[in-house]
Amino acid sequence: MRINLTGVPETKRPDAAIIDPYATEILEQIEFEESPKNKVSEASQTGTIIRTIILDEIINDFLHQHPQGCVVNLGCGLDARCKRLSL
């Protein structure tokens, strides 16, 4: 199956700051052609990583304090946070 994920940078790295097995599984199931036009600056990647780590911590803390709580992730695109968090 060939899918064009325009603007989505390669996210599978051996030194990844965020481990997301679900995202890795998706990437392994599709044909993804890297292109220089899909590259994102290192500063943008770093900002995204920091934001992701902070939001993961906030959501984990909230759900540990409120086990019956509900988190809605609006406009999340291909975000797989619900599968990545250890709840």
N, C-alpha and C. Protein backbone atom coordinates (compact mmCIF):
# COMPACT_ATOMS: atom_id res chain seq x y z
N MET A 1 0.85 -1.17 0.00
CA MET A 1 0.00 0.00 0.00
C MET A 1 0.90 1.24 0.00
N ARG A 2 0.67 2.15 -0.90
CA ARG A 2 1.47 3.38 -0.97
C ARG A 2 0.65 4.54 -0.44
N ILE A 3 1.18 5.20 0.58
CA ILE A 3 0.49 6.33 1.20
C ILE A 3 1.46 7.50 1.22
N ASN A 4 0.99 8.66 0.79
CA ASN A 4 1.84 9.84 0.80
C ASN A 4 1.51 10.68 2.02
N LEU A 5 2.42 10.70 2.99
CA LEU A 5 2.22 11.49 4.20
C LEU A 5 2.98 12.80 4.04
N THR A 6 2.45 13.69 3.25
CA THR A 6 3.11 14.96 2.96
C THR A 6 3.39 15.75 4.23
N GLY A 7 4.63 16.18 4.35
CA GLY A 7 4.99 17.03 5.48
C GLY A 7 5.28 16.27 6.77
N VAL A 8 5.23 14.95 6.76
CA VAL A 8 5.49 14.16 7.97
C VAL A 8 6.94 13.70 7.93
N PRO A 9 7.75 14.13 8.90
CA PRO A 9 9.16 13.75 8.90
C PRO A 9 9.35 12.32 9.38
N GLU A 10 10.50 11.76 9.06
CA GLU A 10 10.87 10.43 9.56
C GLU A 10 10.99 10.52 11.08
N THR A 11 10.33 9.60 11.79
CA THR A 11 10.32 9.67 13.25
C THR A 11 10.97 8.47 13.91
N LYS A 12 11.44 7.53 13.13
CA LYS A 12 12.01 6.31 13.69
C LYS A 12 13.53 6.47 13.79
N ARG A 13 14.04 6.65 15.03
CA ARG A 13 15.46 6.86 15.25
C ARG A 13 15.92 5.97 16.40
N PRO A 14 17.14 5.47 16.33
CA PRO A 14 17.64 4.62 17.41
C PRO A 14 17.85 5.39 18.72
N ASP A 15 18.05 6.70 18.64
CA ASP A 15 18.26 7.51 19.84
C ASP A 15 17.02 8.34 20.19
N ALA A 16 15.85 7.83 19.87
CA ALA A 16 14.61 8.57 20.05
C ALA A 16 14.37 8.96 21.51
N ALA A 17 13.88 10.17 21.72
CA ALA A 17 13.53 10.65 23.07
C ALA A 17 12.16 10.14 23.47
N ILE A 18 11.33 9.79 22.49
CA ILE A 18 9.99 9.27 22.74
C ILE A 18 9.89 7.91 22.05
N ILE A 19 9.53 6.91 22.81
CA ILE A 19 9.38 5.57 22.25
C ILE A 19 7.89 5.34 21.99
N ASP A 20 7.53 5.14 20.75
CA ASP A 20 6.13 4.96 20.38
C ASP A 20 6.01 3.75 19.46
N PRO A 21 5.84 2.55 20.05
CA PRO A 21 5.77 1.33 19.24
C PRO A 21 4.64 1.36 18.21
N TYR A 22 3.53 2.02 18.53
CA TYR A 22 2.40 2.08 17.60
C TYR A 22 2.77 2.88 16.35
N ALA A 23 3.46 4.00 16.54
CA ALA A 23 3.90 4.80 15.39
C ALA A 23 4.88 4.01 14.54
N THR A 24 5.78 3.27 15.20
CA THR A 24 6.73 2.43 14.48
C THR A 24 6.00 1.36 13.68
N GLU A 25 4.99 0.76 14.28
CA GLU A 25 4.19 -0.27 13.60
C GLU A 25 3.52 0.31 12.34
N ILE A 26 2.97 1.51 12.45
CA ILE A 26 2.32 2.15 11.30
C ILE A 26 3.34 2.40 10.19
N LEU A 27 4.51 2.94 10.55
CA LEU A 27 5.54 3.22 9.55
C LEU A 27 6.01 1.96 8.84
N GLU A 28 6.05 0.84 9.56
CA GLU A 28 6.49 -0.41 8.97
C GLU A 28 5.45 -1.01 8.02
N GLN A 29 4.20 -0.57 8.12
CA GLN A 29 3.13 -1.13 7.30
C GLN A 29 2.85 -0.32 6.04
N ILE A 30 3.46 0.84 5.92
CA ILE A 30 3.21 1.68 4.75
C ILE A 30 4.52 1.91 4.00
N GLU A 31 4.39 2.25 2.74
CA GLU A 31 5.55 2.65 1.96
C GLU A 31 5.71 4.15 2.13
N PHE A 32 6.79 4.55 2.74
CA PHE A 32 7.02 5.96 3.02
C PHE A 32 8.29 6.38 2.31
N GLU A 33 8.16 7.27 1.38
CA GLU A 33 9.31 7.73 0.60
C GLU A 33 9.82 9.03 1.19
N GLU A 34 11.05 8.99 1.72
CA GLU A 34 11.65 10.20 2.27
C GLU A 34 11.94 11.20 1.15
N SER A 35 11.79 12.45 1.48
CA SER A 35 12.04 13.50 0.52
C SER A 35 12.60 14.71 1.25
N PRO A 36 13.55 15.42 0.64
CA PRO A 36 14.08 16.62 1.29
C PRO A 36 13.00 17.66 1.60
N LYS A 37 11.92 17.68 0.82
CA LYS A 37 10.87 18.67 1.08
C LYS A 37 10.06 18.32 2.32
N ASN A 38 10.18 17.08 2.83
CA ASN A 38 9.46 16.68 4.04
C ASN A 38 10.28 16.88 5.30
N LYS A 39 11.49 17.39 5.17
CA LYS A 39 12.36 17.57 6.33
C LYS A 39 11.85 18.71 7.21
N VAL A 40 11.98 18.52 8.51
CA VAL A 40 11.59 19.54 9.49
C VAL A 40 12.86 19.95 10.22
N SER A 41 12.97 21.22 10.54
CA SER A 41 14.20 21.71 11.20
C SER A 41 14.41 21.00 12.53
N GLU A 42 15.66 20.91 12.93
CA GLU A 42 15.99 20.28 14.21
C GLU A 42 15.35 21.04 15.37
N ALA A 43 15.28 22.35 15.28
CA ALA A 43 14.65 23.16 16.34
C ALA A 43 13.17 22.82 16.46
N SER A 44 12.49 22.65 15.34
CA SER A 44 11.07 22.29 15.36
C SER A 44 10.87 20.90 15.94
N GLN A 45 11.75 19.96 15.57
CA GLN A 45 11.67 18.60 16.11
C GLN A 45 11.87 18.61 17.62
N THR A 46 12.86 19.39 18.08
CA THR A 46 13.14 19.48 19.51
C THR A 46 11.95 20.05 20.26
N GLY A 47 11.35 21.10 19.71
CA GLY A 47 10.16 21.69 20.33
C GLY A 47 9.01 20.71 20.42
N THR A 48 8.82 19.94 19.37
CA THR A 48 7.74 18.94 19.36
C THR A 48 8.01 17.86 20.40
N ILE A 49 9.25 17.41 20.50
CA ILE A 49 9.62 16.39 21.49
C ILE A 49 9.37 16.91 22.91
N ILE A 50 9.82 18.12 23.19
CA ILE A 50 9.64 18.70 24.53
C ILE A 50 8.15 18.83 24.86
N ARG A 51 7.37 19.35 23.93
CA ARG A 51 5.93 19.50 24.14
C ARG A 51 5.27 18.14 24.38
N THR A 52 5.67 17.14 23.61
CA THR A 52 5.11 15.80 23.76
C THR A 52 5.41 15.21 25.13
N ILE A 53 6.65 15.34 25.57
CA ILE A 53 7.04 14.81 26.89
C ILE A 53 6.26 15.51 28.00
N ILE A 54 6.14 16.83 27.91
CA ILE A 54 5.41 17.60 28.93
C ILE A 54 3.94 17.19 28.95
N LEU A 55 3.31 17.13 27.77
CA LEU A 55 1.90 16.75 27.73
C LEU A 55 1.67 15.32 28.21
N ASP A 56 2.58 14.41 27.87
CA ASP A 56 2.46 13.03 28.37
C ASP A 56 2.49 13.01 29.90
N GLU A 57 3.39 13.78 30.49
CA GLU A 57 3.49 13.84 31.96
C GLU A 57 2.22 14.43 32.57
N ILE A 58 1.71 15.50 32.00
CA ILE A 58 0.49 16.14 32.52
C ILE A 58 -0.68 15.17 32.45
N ILE A 59 -0.83 14.51 31.32
CA ILE A 59 -1.95 13.58 31.14
C ILE A 59 -1.80 12.37 32.07
N ASN A 60 -0.60 11.82 32.18
CA ASN A 60 -0.38 10.70 33.10
C ASN A 60 -0.72 11.10 34.53
N ASP A 61 -0.25 12.27 34.97
CA ASP A 61 -0.55 12.75 36.32
C ASP A 61 -2.05 12.89 36.53
N PHE A 62 -2.74 13.51 35.58
CA PHE A 62 -4.19 13.70 35.70
C PHE A 62 -4.91 12.37 35.81
N LEU A 63 -4.57 11.42 34.93
CA LEU A 63 -5.28 10.14 34.93
C LEU A 63 -4.94 9.28 36.14
N HIS A 64 -3.75 9.45 36.71
CA HIS A 64 -3.44 8.73 37.95
C HIS A 64 -4.22 9.31 39.12
N GLN A 65 -4.45 10.62 39.10
CA GLN A 65 -5.24 11.26 40.15
C GLN A 65 -6.74 11.06 39.94
N HIS A 66 -7.15 10.87 38.70
CA HIS A 66 -8.57 10.70 38.35
C HIS A 66 -8.71 9.48 37.44
N PRO A 67 -8.65 8.27 38.01
CA PRO A 67 -8.64 7.05 37.20
C PRO A 67 -9.85 6.90 36.27
N GLN A 68 -10.95 7.52 36.61
CA GLN A 68 -12.14 7.45 35.75
C GLN A 68 -12.23 8.66 34.82
N GLY A 69 -11.19 9.50 34.82
CA GLY A 69 -11.18 10.71 34.00
C GLY A 69 -11.13 10.39 32.51
N CYS A 70 -11.42 11.41 31.73
CA CYS A 70 -11.43 11.26 30.27
C CYS A 70 -10.61 12.41 29.68
N VAL A 71 -9.76 12.08 28.72
CA VAL A 71 -8.96 13.09 28.04
C VAL A 71 -9.36 13.06 26.56
N VAL A 72 -9.68 14.21 26.02
CA VAL A 72 -10.04 14.33 24.60
C VAL A 72 -8.91 15.07 23.90
N ASN A 73 -8.39 14.47 22.85
CA ASN A 73 -7.28 15.05 22.10
C ASN A 73 -7.81 15.56 20.76
N LEU A 74 -8.23 16.81 20.74
CA LEU A 74 -8.82 17.40 19.54
C LEU A 74 -7.74 17.78 18.53
N GLY A 75 -8.00 17.53 17.27
CA GLY A 75 -7.08 17.91 16.21
C GLY A 75 -5.74 17.21 16.29
N CYS A 76 -5.73 15.96 16.73
CA CYS A 76 -4.46 15.28 17.00
C CYS A 76 -3.85 14.61 15.78
N GLY A 77 -4.55 14.53 14.68
CA GLY A 77 -3.98 13.91 13.49
C GLY A 77 -3.62 12.47 13.74
N LEU A 78 -2.36 12.10 13.49
CA LEU A 78 -1.91 10.73 13.69
C LEU A 78 -1.34 10.50 15.09
N ASP A 79 -1.64 11.35 16.03
CA ASP A 79 -1.13 11.22 17.39
C ASP A 79 -1.61 9.90 18.01
N ALA A 80 -0.68 9.15 18.58
CA ALA A 80 -1.01 7.86 19.19
C ALA A 80 -0.75 7.87 20.70
N ARG A 81 -0.89 9.04 21.32
CA ARG A 81 -0.63 9.18 22.74
C ARG A 81 -1.43 8.19 23.57
N CYS A 82 -2.67 7.96 23.20
CA CYS A 82 -3.52 7.05 23.98
C CYS A 82 -2.94 5.63 24.00
N LYS A 83 -2.20 5.24 23.00
CA LYS A 83 -1.60 3.91 22.97
C LYS A 83 -0.21 3.92 23.60
N ARG A 84 0.42 5.08 23.67
CA ARG A 84 1.79 5.18 24.16
C ARG A 84 1.85 5.30 25.69
N LEU A 85 0.87 5.95 26.31
CA LEU A 85 0.91 6.18 27.75
C LEU A 85 0.67 4.87 28.51
N SER A 86 1.35 4.73 29.63
CA SER A 86 1.25 3.49 30.42
C SER A 86 0.20 3.62 31.50
N LEU A 87 -1.05 3.46 31.12
CA LEU A 87 -2.14 3.57 32.08
C LEU A 87 -2.85 2.24 32.23
